[in-house]
Amino acid sequence: MEDQHIRNLYKADKFLSEVVYQQNMFMIANQHYTYLNQSLFVTPSIVITSAASFMSFMAAAHPEDANDISLFVGFLGTLATIVTALQVG
């Protein structure tokens, strides 16, 4: 009876160590993909929309070039929308 108890404790300890290993692996994977998401989608979309806002104000300041600048602002808005739509999760 004592042998069975020791074997069960060994199995439980082995199972617990595997669970802890899996938790650590998932935590590291989560940190990695959070970083990738931030660097590939969030930051570029913020930069693109900031540039579009700046260009929009510039179009108001230079009415002679407003049509060309407005076209470029529209392109930047579309690009920001695409980058944001590609974002995972």
C-alpha atoms as a PDB file:
ATOM      1  CA  MET A   1       0.000   0.000   0.000  1.00  0.00           C
ATOM      2  CA  GLU A   2       2.827   2.393   0.829  1.00  0.00           C
ATOM      3  CA  ASP A   3       4.462   1.631  -2.552  1.00  0.00           C
ATOM      4  CA  GLN A   4       1.291   2.652  -4.384  1.00  0.00           C
ATOM      5  CA  HIS A   5       1.136   5.885  -2.396  1.00  0.00           C
ATOM      6  CA  ILE A   6       4.757   6.729  -3.256  1.00  0.00           C
ATOM      7  CA  ARG A   7       4.150   5.983  -6.949  1.00  0.00           C
ATOM      8  CA  ASN A   8       1.091   8.249  -6.943  1.00  0.00           C
ATOM      9  CA  LEU A   9       3.097  11.036  -5.315  1.00  0.00           C
ATOM     10  CA  TYR A  10       5.810  10.623  -7.942  1.00  0.00           C
ATOM     11  CA  LYS A  11       3.220  10.784 -10.758  1.00  0.00           C
ATOM     12  CA  ALA A  12       1.572  13.849  -9.225  1.00  0.00           C
ATOM     13  CA  ASP A  13       4.933  15.592  -8.860  1.00  0.00           C
ATOM     14  CA  LYS A  14       5.865  14.779 -12.456  1.00  0.00           C
ATOM     15  CA  PHE A  15       2.483  16.044 -13.694  1.00  0.00           C
ATOM     16  CA  LEU A  16       2.829  19.258 -11.677  1.00  0.00           C
ATOM     17  CA  SER A  17       6.291  19.931 -13.116  1.00  0.00           C
ATOM     18  CA  GLU A  18       4.902  19.488 -16.641  1.00  0.00           C
ATOM     19  CA  VAL A  19       2.062  21.909 -15.888  1.00  0.00           C
ATOM     20  CA  VAL A  20       4.524  24.505 -14.574  1.00  0.00           C
ATOM     21  CA  TYR A  21       6.701  24.023 -17.676  1.00  0.00           C
ATOM     22  CA  GLN A  22       3.690  24.525 -19.975  1.00  0.00           C
ATOM     23  CA  GLN A  23       2.632  27.643 -18.052  1.00  0.00           C
ATOM     24  CA  ASN A  24       6.101  29.132 -18.449  1.00  0.00           C
ATOM     25  CA  MET A  25       6.203  28.271 -22.137  1.00  0.00           C
ATOM     26  CA  PHE A  26       2.801  29.905 -22.757  1.00  0.00           C
ATOM     27  CA  MET A  27       3.805  32.988 -20.778  1.00  0.00           C
ATOM     28  CA  ILE A  28       6.987  33.407 -22.841  1.00  0.00           C
ATOM     29  CA  ALA A  29       5.035  32.885 -26.091  1.00  0.00           C
ATOM     30  CA  ASN A  30       2.466  35.464 -24.976  1.00  0.00           C
ATOM     31  CA  GLN A  31       5.196  38.028 -24.272  1.00  0.00           C
ATOM     32  CA  HIS A  32       6.819  37.357 -27.658  1.00  0.00           C
ATOM     33  CA  TYR A  33       3.619  37.703 -29.684  1.00  0.00           C
ATOM     34  CA  THR A  34       2.508  40.750 -27.704  1.00  0.00           C
ATOM     35  CA  TYR A  35       5.816  42.395 -28.621  1.00  0.00           C
ATOM     36  CA  LEU A  36       5.398  41.407 -32.293  1.00  0.00           C
ATOM     37  CA  ASN A  37       1.845  42.735 -32.355  1.00  0.00           C
ATOM     38  CA  GLN A  38       2.985  46.007 -30.820  1.00  0.00           C
ATOM     39  CA  SER A  39       5.945  46.489 -33.147  1.00  0.00           C
ATOM     40  CA  LEU A  40       4.309  45.316 -36.380  1.00  0.00           C
ATOM     41  CA  PHE A  41       0.800  46.777 -36.102  1.00  0.00           C
ATOM     42  CA  VAL A  42       0.084  49.145 -33.227  1.00  0.00           C
ATOM     43  CA  THR A  43       3.089  51.458 -33.500  1.00  0.00           C
ATOM     44  CA  PRO A  44       2.985  51.760 -37.316  1.00  0.00           C
ATOM     45  CA  SER A  45      -0.746  52.515 -37.297  1.00  0.00           C
ATOM     46  CA  ILE A  46      -0.207  55.274 -34.712  1.00  0.00           C
ATOM     47  CA  VAL A  47       2.631  56.762 -36.787  1.00  0.00           C
ATOM     48  CA  ILE A  48       0.614  56.579 -40.010  1.00  0.00           C
ATOM     49  CA  THR A  49      -2.479  58.228 -38.509  1.00  0.00           C
ATOM     50  CA  SER A  50      -0.293  60.917 -36.918  1.00  0.00           C
ATOM     51  CA  ALA A  51       1.285  61.639 -40.295  1.00  0.00           C
ATOM     52  CA  ALA A  52      -2.170  61.794 -41.910  1.00  0.00           C
ATOM     53  CA  SER A  53      -3.331  64.287 -39.281  1.00  0.00           C
ATOM     54  CA  PHE A  54      -0.269  66.451 -39.819  1.00  0.00           C
ATOM     55  CA  MET A  55      -0.734  66.369 -43.588  1.00  0.00           C
ATOM     56  CA  SER A  56      -4.393  67.345 -43.162  1.00  0.00           C
ATOM     57  CA  PHE A  57      -3.405  70.466 -41.224  1.00  0.00           C
ATOM     58  CA  MET A  58      -0.753  71.168 -43.839  1.00  0.00           C
ATOM     59  CA  ALA A  59      -3.402  71.035 -46.570  1.00  0.00           C
ATOM     60  CA  ALA A  60      -5.365  73.705 -44.729  1.00  0.00           C
ATOM     61  CA  ALA A  61      -2.251  75.890 -44.503  1.00  0.00           C
ATOM     62  CA  HIS A  62      -1.364  75.526 -48.207  1.00  0.00           C
ATOM     63  CA  PRO A  63      -4.594  75.814 -50.218  1.00  0.00           C
ATOM     64  CA  GLU A  64      -2.727  75.734 -53.550  1.00  0.00           C
ATOM     65  CA  ASP A  65      -1.584  72.158 -52.861  1.00  0.00           C
ATOM     66  CA  ALA A  66      -4.699  71.062 -50.953  1.00  0.00           C
ATOM     67  CA  ASN A  67      -5.924  68.616 -53.621  1.00  0.00           C
ATOM     68  CA  ASP A  68      -2.656  66.700 -53.801  1.00  0.00           C
ATOM     69  CA  ILE A  69      -2.197  66.681 -50.038  1.00  0.00           C
ATOM     70  CA  SER A  70      -5.787  65.545 -49.468  1.00  0.00           C
ATOM     71  CA  LEU A  71      -5.252  62.649 -51.849  1.00  0.00           C
ATOM     72  CA  PHE A  72      -2.149  61.631 -49.910  1.00  0.00           C
ATOM     73  CA  VAL A  73      -4.050  61.956 -46.600  1.00  0.00           C
ATOM     74  CA  GLY A  74      -6.699  59.618 -47.974  1.00  0.00           C
ATOM     75  CA  PHE A  75      -4.034  57.122 -48.966  1.00  0.00           C
ATOM     76  CA  LEU A  76      -2.488  57.283 -45.480  1.00  0.00           C
ATOM     77  CA  GLY A  77      -5.917  56.774 -43.896  1.00  0.00           C
ATOM     78  CA  THR A  78      -6.515  53.734 -46.064  1.00  0.00           C
ATOM     79  CA  LEU A  79      -3.075  52.366 -45.219  1.00  0.00           C
ATOM     80  CA  ALA A  80      -3.693  52.866 -41.487  1.00  0.00           C
ATOM     81  CA  THR A  81      -7.021  51.044 -41.793  1.00  0.00           C
ATOM     82  CA  ILE A  82      -5.384  48.092 -43.554  1.00  0.00           C
ATOM     83  CA  VAL A  83      -2.585  47.844 -40.971  1.00  0.00           C
ATOM     84  CA  THR A  84      -5.119  47.979 -38.135  1.00  0.00           C
ATOM     85  CA  ALA A  85      -7.310  45.341 -39.806  1.00  0.00           C
ATOM     86  CA  LEU A  86      -4.346  42.974 -40.114  1.00  0.00           C
ATOM     87  CA  GLN A  87      -3.778  43.160 -36.377  1.00  0.00           C
ATOM     88  CA  VAL A  88      -4.350  39.833 -34.630  1.00  0.00           C
ATOM     89  CA  GLY A  89      -6.403  39.560 -31.472  1.00  0.00           C
END
